Protein backbone atom coordinates (compact mmCIF):
# COMPACT_ATOMS: atom_id res chain seq x y z
CA MET A 1 -1.42 6.46 -51.95
CA MET A 2 -1.05 8.90 -54.62
CA ASN A 3 -4.91 9.30 -56.07
CA PHE A 4 -4.99 9.23 -59.54
CA SER A 5 -7.95 9.95 -61.96
CA ALA A 6 -8.65 6.83 -64.49
CA LYS A 7 -7.91 7.87 -68.16
CA LYS A 8 -10.74 5.53 -69.82
CA SER A 9 -9.26 6.11 -72.80
CA LEU A 10 -6.60 3.73 -71.73
CA GLY A 11 -9.26 1.74 -70.23
CA GLN A 12 -7.99 2.54 -66.58
CA ASN A 13 -9.04 0.67 -63.45
CA PHE A 14 -7.59 0.02 -60.92
CA LEU A 15 -7.21 -3.13 -59.10
CA ASN A 16 -7.23 -2.48 -55.29
CA ASP A 17 -8.38 -5.06 -53.16
CA GLN A 18 -5.93 -6.19 -50.70
CA LYS A 19 -7.58 -10.25 -50.63
CA ILE A 20 -7.64 -10.53 -54.34
CA ILE A 21 -4.07 -8.72 -55.01
CA ASN A 22 -2.98 -12.03 -52.76
CA LEU A 23 -4.80 -14.33 -54.04
CA ILE A 24 -3.18 -13.19 -57.45
CA ALA A 25 0.52 -12.98 -55.91
CA GLU A 26 0.40 -16.49 -54.30
CA ILE A 27 -0.73 -17.88 -58.15
CA GLY A 28 2.74 -17.12 -59.29
CA ASN A 29 4.61 -19.02 -57.49
CA ILE A 30 7.07 -16.88 -57.56
CA ASN A 31 10.89 -17.60 -56.17
CA CYS A 32 13.84 -15.87 -56.91
CA LYS A 33 15.02 -17.49 -59.67
CA ASP A 34 12.26 -15.81 -62.06
CA ILE A 35 11.86 -13.06 -63.88
CA VAL A 36 8.16 -11.21 -63.28
CA LEU A 37 7.31 -8.98 -66.74
CA GLU A 38 3.53 -7.00 -65.27
CA VAL A 39 1.62 -5.38 -68.16
CA GLY A 40 -0.53 -2.10 -66.82
CA PRO A 41 0.51 -2.09 -63.40
CA GLY A 42 -1.66 1.00 -62.91
CA THR A 43 -0.57 2.28 -59.71
CA GLY A 44 1.42 -0.35 -58.06
CA ASN A 45 -0.48 -2.27 -56.01
CA LEU A 46 -0.12 -5.87 -57.37
CA THR A 47 3.81 -4.85 -57.68
CA GLU A 48 4.06 -4.21 -54.07
CA LYS A 49 3.07 -7.67 -53.06
CA ILE A 50 5.32 -9.43 -56.36
CA LEU A 51 8.38 -7.23 -55.20
CA GLU A 52 7.98 -9.63 -51.51
CA LYS A 53 8.36 -12.18 -53.66
CA GLU A 54 12.10 -10.99 -54.81
CA PRO A 55 11.45 -12.10 -58.25
CA ARG A 56 15.10 -11.81 -60.07
CA ASP A 57 14.11 -9.69 -62.14
CA PHE A 58 10.67 -7.36 -62.77
CA ILE A 59 9.78 -5.49 -65.97
CA LEU A 60 6.95 -3.38 -66.63
CA ILE A 61 4.77 -1.87 -69.29
CA GLU A 62 3.06 1.33 -68.49
CA LYS A 63 1.61 3.53 -71.29
CA ASP A 64 0.38 6.15 -68.87
CA GLN A 65 3.17 8.62 -67.93
CA ARG A 66 2.06 9.85 -64.81
CA LEU A 67 1.91 6.25 -63.61
CA VAL A 68 5.15 5.68 -64.38
CA ASP A 69 6.40 8.68 -62.88
CA HIS A 70 5.02 7.49 -59.75
CA LEU A 71 5.96 3.31 -60.70
CA ILE A 72 9.43 4.90 -60.27
CA LYS A 73 9.26 7.36 -57.19
CA LYS A 74 7.46 4.50 -55.88
CA PHE A 75 9.75 1.19 -56.63
CA GLY A 76 13.39 3.10 -58.24
CA ASP A 77 16.14 0.29 -59.15
CA LYS A 78 13.42 -2.52 -57.80
CA ILE A 79 12.07 -2.36 -61.32
CA LYS A 80 12.59 -1.89 -64.99
CA ILE A 81 10.04 -0.03 -66.49
CA PHE A 82 9.01 0.70 -70.24
CA ASN A 83 7.36 3.69 -71.12
CA GLU A 84 5.55 1.76 -73.96
CA ASP A 85 1.37 0.42 -75.42
CA MET A 86 2.12 -3.46 -74.42
CA LEU A 87 0.58 -4.09 -78.13
CA LYS A 88 3.66 -2.81 -79.32
CA PHE A 89 6.06 -3.85 -77.07
CA SER A 90 8.72 -5.46 -78.25
CA TYR A 91 8.42 -8.62 -76.66
CA GLU A 92 11.32 -10.67 -78.78
CA ASN A 93 14.15 -9.22 -76.22
CA TYR A 94 12.36 -11.40 -73.84
CA TYR A 95 12.26 -15.01 -75.58
CA LYS A 96 13.03 -17.44 -74.23
CA LYS A 97 13.47 -15.93 -71.08
CA ASN A 98 10.46 -18.05 -69.28
CA LEU A 99 8.78 -15.34 -67.87
CA ILE A 100 5.76 -15.71 -65.80
CA ILE A 101 3.50 -12.47 -66.81
CA PHE A 102 0.49 -10.50 -65.06
CA GLY A 103 -1.88 -8.22 -66.51
CA ASN A 104 -4.96 -6.75 -65.80
CA LEU A 105 -5.87 -6.47 -68.79
CA PRO A 106 -7.86 -2.91 -70.10
CA TYR A 107 -11.37 -4.45 -71.36
CA ASN A 108 -10.74 -2.45 -75.02
CA ILE A 109 -7.33 -4.61 -76.41
CA SER A 110 -7.46 -7.83 -74.09
CA SER A 111 -7.48 -9.94 -76.52
CA GLN A 112 -5.56 -8.86 -78.89
CA ILE A 113 -3.12 -8.87 -76.63
CA LEU A 114 -3.71 -12.57 -75.45
CA ALA A 115 -3.91 -13.37 -79.48
CA LYS A 116 -0.39 -11.30 -79.93
CA TRP A 117 1.22 -13.30 -77.19
CA ILE A 118 0.05 -16.68 -78.33
CA LYS A 119 1.21 -15.88 -81.65
CA ILE A 120 4.87 -16.00 -80.08
CA LYS A 121 6.96 -18.79 -81.82
CA GLU A 122 8.01 -21.03 -78.88
CA LEU A 123 5.40 -19.78 -76.68
CA ASP A 124 6.32 -22.30 -73.82
CA LYS A 125 9.86 -20.68 -73.44
CA PHE A 126 9.04 -17.12 -73.51
CA CYS A 127 7.32 -17.57 -70.84
CA LYS A 128 6.72 -20.29 -67.54
CA LYS A 129 2.26 -18.60 -67.42
CA LEU A 130 -0.12 -16.13 -68.10
CA ILE A 131 -1.95 -14.44 -64.84
CA LEU A 132 -4.67 -12.58 -65.96
CA MET A 133 -7.49 -10.34 -65.32
CA PHE A 134 -10.77 -9.93 -68.24
CA GLN A 135 -14.07 -8.70 -68.54
CA LYS A 136 -15.49 -12.03 -67.75
CA GLU A 137 -17.69 -11.71 -70.93
CA VAL A 138 -14.45 -11.54 -72.72
CA ALA A 139 -13.25 -14.60 -70.33
CA ASP A 140 -15.95 -16.47 -70.87
CA ARG A 141 -15.36 -16.46 -74.85
CA ILE A 142 -11.84 -18.18 -73.74
CA ILE A 143 -13.62 -20.60 -71.77
CA ALA A 144 -16.33 -21.88 -73.16
CA LYS A 145 -16.27 -25.30 -74.90
CA ASN A 146 -17.64 -26.25 -78.37
CA ASN A 147 -21.67 -26.74 -78.74
CA THR A 148 -22.47 -23.45 -76.46
CA LYS A 149 -22.91 -19.88 -76.92
CA ASN A 150 -19.89 -18.30 -75.49
CA TYR A 151 -17.77 -20.71 -77.93
CA GLY A 152 -16.00 -19.35 -81.06
CA ARG A 153 -12.57 -17.79 -82.34
CA LEU A 154 -11.21 -16.46 -78.99
CA SER A 155 -11.75 -19.75 -77.40
CA ILE A 156 -10.42 -21.62 -80.68
CA LEU A 157 -6.97 -19.90 -80.74
CA ALA A 158 -6.04 -19.61 -76.12
CA ASN A 159 -5.94 -23.50 -76.26
CA TRP A 160 -4.40 -24.08 -79.09
CA LYS A 161 -1.16 -23.45 -77.12
CA LEU A 162 -2.24 -23.29 -73.89
CA ASP A 163 -4.14 -24.72 -71.06
CA VAL A 164 -6.69 -22.18 -69.22
CA GLU A 165 -7.54 -22.19 -65.73
CA LYS A 166 -10.28 -19.70 -64.14
CA ILE A 167 -9.38 -18.85 -60.98
CA ILE A 168 -12.42 -16.86 -59.46
CA ASP A 169 -14.96 -14.17 -60.65
CA ILE A 170 -13.97 -10.17 -59.06
CA GLU A 171 -16.84 -7.59 -58.62
CA PRO A 172 -16.55 -4.30 -60.20
CA ASN A 173 -16.09 -3.21 -56.01
CA CYS A 174 -12.55 -4.85 -56.46
CA PHE A 175 -11.30 -1.72 -58.58
CA LYS A 176 -11.61 1.88 -58.54
CA PRO A 177 -12.90 3.41 -60.12
CA ALA A 178 -15.32 0.10 -60.31
CA PRO A 179 -16.02 -0.98 -63.61
CA LYS A 180 -20.31 -1.88 -64.93
CA VAL A 181 -19.45 -5.39 -65.03
CA LYS A 182 -17.20 -8.23 -63.66
CA SER A 183 -13.79 -9.31 -64.24
CA THR A 184 -12.24 -12.77 -63.84
CA LEU A 185 -8.91 -14.14 -63.36
CA LEU A 186 -7.58 -16.95 -65.87
CA VAL A 187 -4.34 -18.44 -65.53
CA PHE A 188 -2.69 -19.81 -68.92
CA THR A 189 0.15 -22.42 -69.03
CA PRO A 190 1.51 -22.96 -72.57
CA LYS A 191 1.51 -26.62 -73.44
CA LYS A 192 4.46 -28.36 -74.26
CA LYS A 193 3.03 -30.42 -77.52
CA PHE A 194 0.36 -28.75 -79.83
CA PHE A 195 -0.78 -29.12 -83.55
CA GLU A 196 1.37 -27.68 -85.08
CA LEU A 197 0.90 -25.05 -87.92
CA ASN A 198 3.11 -23.45 -90.60
CA ASP A 199 1.66 -19.76 -89.74
CA PRO A 200 -1.19 -18.77 -86.81
CA LYS A 201 -2.92 -15.71 -89.28
CA ASN A 202 -4.12 -19.09 -91.48
CA LEU A 203 -5.85 -20.68 -87.84
CA GLU A 204 -7.31 -16.87 -87.23
CA HIS A 205 -8.51 -16.44 -91.56
CA VAL A 206 -10.52 -20.14 -90.84
CA THR A 207 -12.26 -19.24 -87.73
CA ASN A 208 -13.12 -16.12 -88.73
CA ILE A 209 -14.60 -17.80 -92.34
CA PHE A 210 -16.56 -20.07 -90.06
CA PHE A 211 -17.86 -17.49 -87.05
CA SER A 212 -18.37 -14.33 -89.58
CA GLN A 213 -21.65 -17.04 -90.55
CA LYS A 214 -22.12 -18.35 -87.40
CA ARG A 215 -25.46 -19.52 -87.67
CA LYS A 216 -25.05 -20.95 -90.93
CA MET A 217 -24.29 -24.25 -91.81
CA ILE A 218 -20.74 -25.69 -92.28
CA LYS A 219 -20.94 -26.16 -96.23
CA LYS A 220 -20.38 -22.72 -96.90
CA PRO A 221 -17.51 -21.25 -95.48
CA LEU A 222 -16.03 -25.65 -96.18
CA LYS A 223 -17.04 -24.38 -99.99
CA PHE A 224 -15.14 -21.11 -99.97
CA LEU A 225 -12.02 -22.21 -98.47
CA PHE A 226 -11.65 -25.50 -100.71
CA LYS A 227 -12.41 -25.91 -104.33
CA ASN A 228 -12.85 -29.86 -103.32
CA PHE A 229 -14.88 -29.10 -99.72
CA GLU A 230 -16.45 -32.56 -99.84
CA ASP A 231 -13.57 -33.87 -100.13
CA ILE A 232 -12.42 -31.98 -96.95
CA ALA A 233 -14.97 -33.47 -95.73
CA GLY A 234 -14.77 -37.08 -95.85
CA ILE A 235 -11.48 -36.53 -94.94
CA LEU A 236 -12.68 -34.94 -91.49
CA ASN A 237 -15.50 -36.78 -91.14
CA LEU A 238 -17.60 -33.98 -91.31
CA ASN A 239 -21.48 -33.39 -91.49
CA LEU A 240 -21.90 -30.46 -93.60
CA ASN A 241 -24.83 -29.62 -92.12
CA LEU A 242 -23.74 -29.02 -88.59
CA ARG A 243 -22.95 -25.17 -87.51
CA PRO A 244 -19.42 -23.79 -86.53
CA GLN A 245 -20.37 -24.12 -83.15
CA ASN A 246 -20.53 -28.17 -83.32
CA LEU A 247 -16.88 -28.24 -84.12
CA ASN A 248 -13.81 -28.72 -81.51
CA ASN A 249 -11.02 -26.76 -81.49
CA VAL A 250 -8.56 -29.66 -82.94
CA THR A 251 -11.10 -29.26 -86.38
CA TYR A 252 -10.51 -26.57 -86.99
CA TYR A 253 -6.94 -27.03 -86.01
CA LYS A 254 -7.02 -29.78 -88.76
CA ILE A 255 -8.91 -27.88 -91.48
CA SER A 256 -6.08 -24.96 -90.63
CA LYS A 257 -3.74 -27.58 -91.85
CA LEU A 258 -5.28 -28.23 -94.63
CA TYR A 259 -6.17 -25.05 -95.78
CA GLU A 260 -1.58 -24.70 -95.49
CA SER A 261 -1.43 -27.52 -97.56
CA LEU A 262 -2.92 -25.25 -100.58
CA THR A 263 -1.12 -22.34 -99.87
CA ASP A 264 2.69 -23.78 -99.48
């Protein structure tokens, strides 16, 4: 394997633990009809394992030109590679393809890229599952339940359209260079049925208002969002003395729906 110095600016930490790589590839449950999309493939260690599963098509998105050249040299026409930023990539071209998405996500943009995918309109037609690696601290926020300290905007957004399962925590020494923190592997499966909202931006706005002052009682953000906040509290049977982390995610979807009815 060629030695690449990781670029700190791109948040690069290359996974090189074969046991973990095998585990990730197996979770995909890939067959010859599947289209696989791997974001941030790095030096191609996982790519190689996925190719052994013989997917129908294999698309890679890699921002670092050095790695693009290396991957083309290594895999040739077995892959279709885009030298692009995963946050700016036009995923629209792959809607209704039912992809399996793999990604060891750069820590600095991991929640942004997840949010971008969640906002895709027909998410269940876009991908079958997403197998993604996050910094453990971010993963803990994604899987957090209400009434816990990690619960907040990310958990509410992720669980809106996705079922989330934690697979394993991964030690820093499984990467080169070793990050300073542990990582966590999560699997996301798009829900066929979820709470219908006209625009995900409304959910983001509502949760932002609530969690920007998460130690305050919910009366304050409700009052900010609704003139008739007491009526809204009555409709949703809310105790105004609760704090934002006490409300479950479905309550936030209902608040967002009522907020949308104001702006329609």
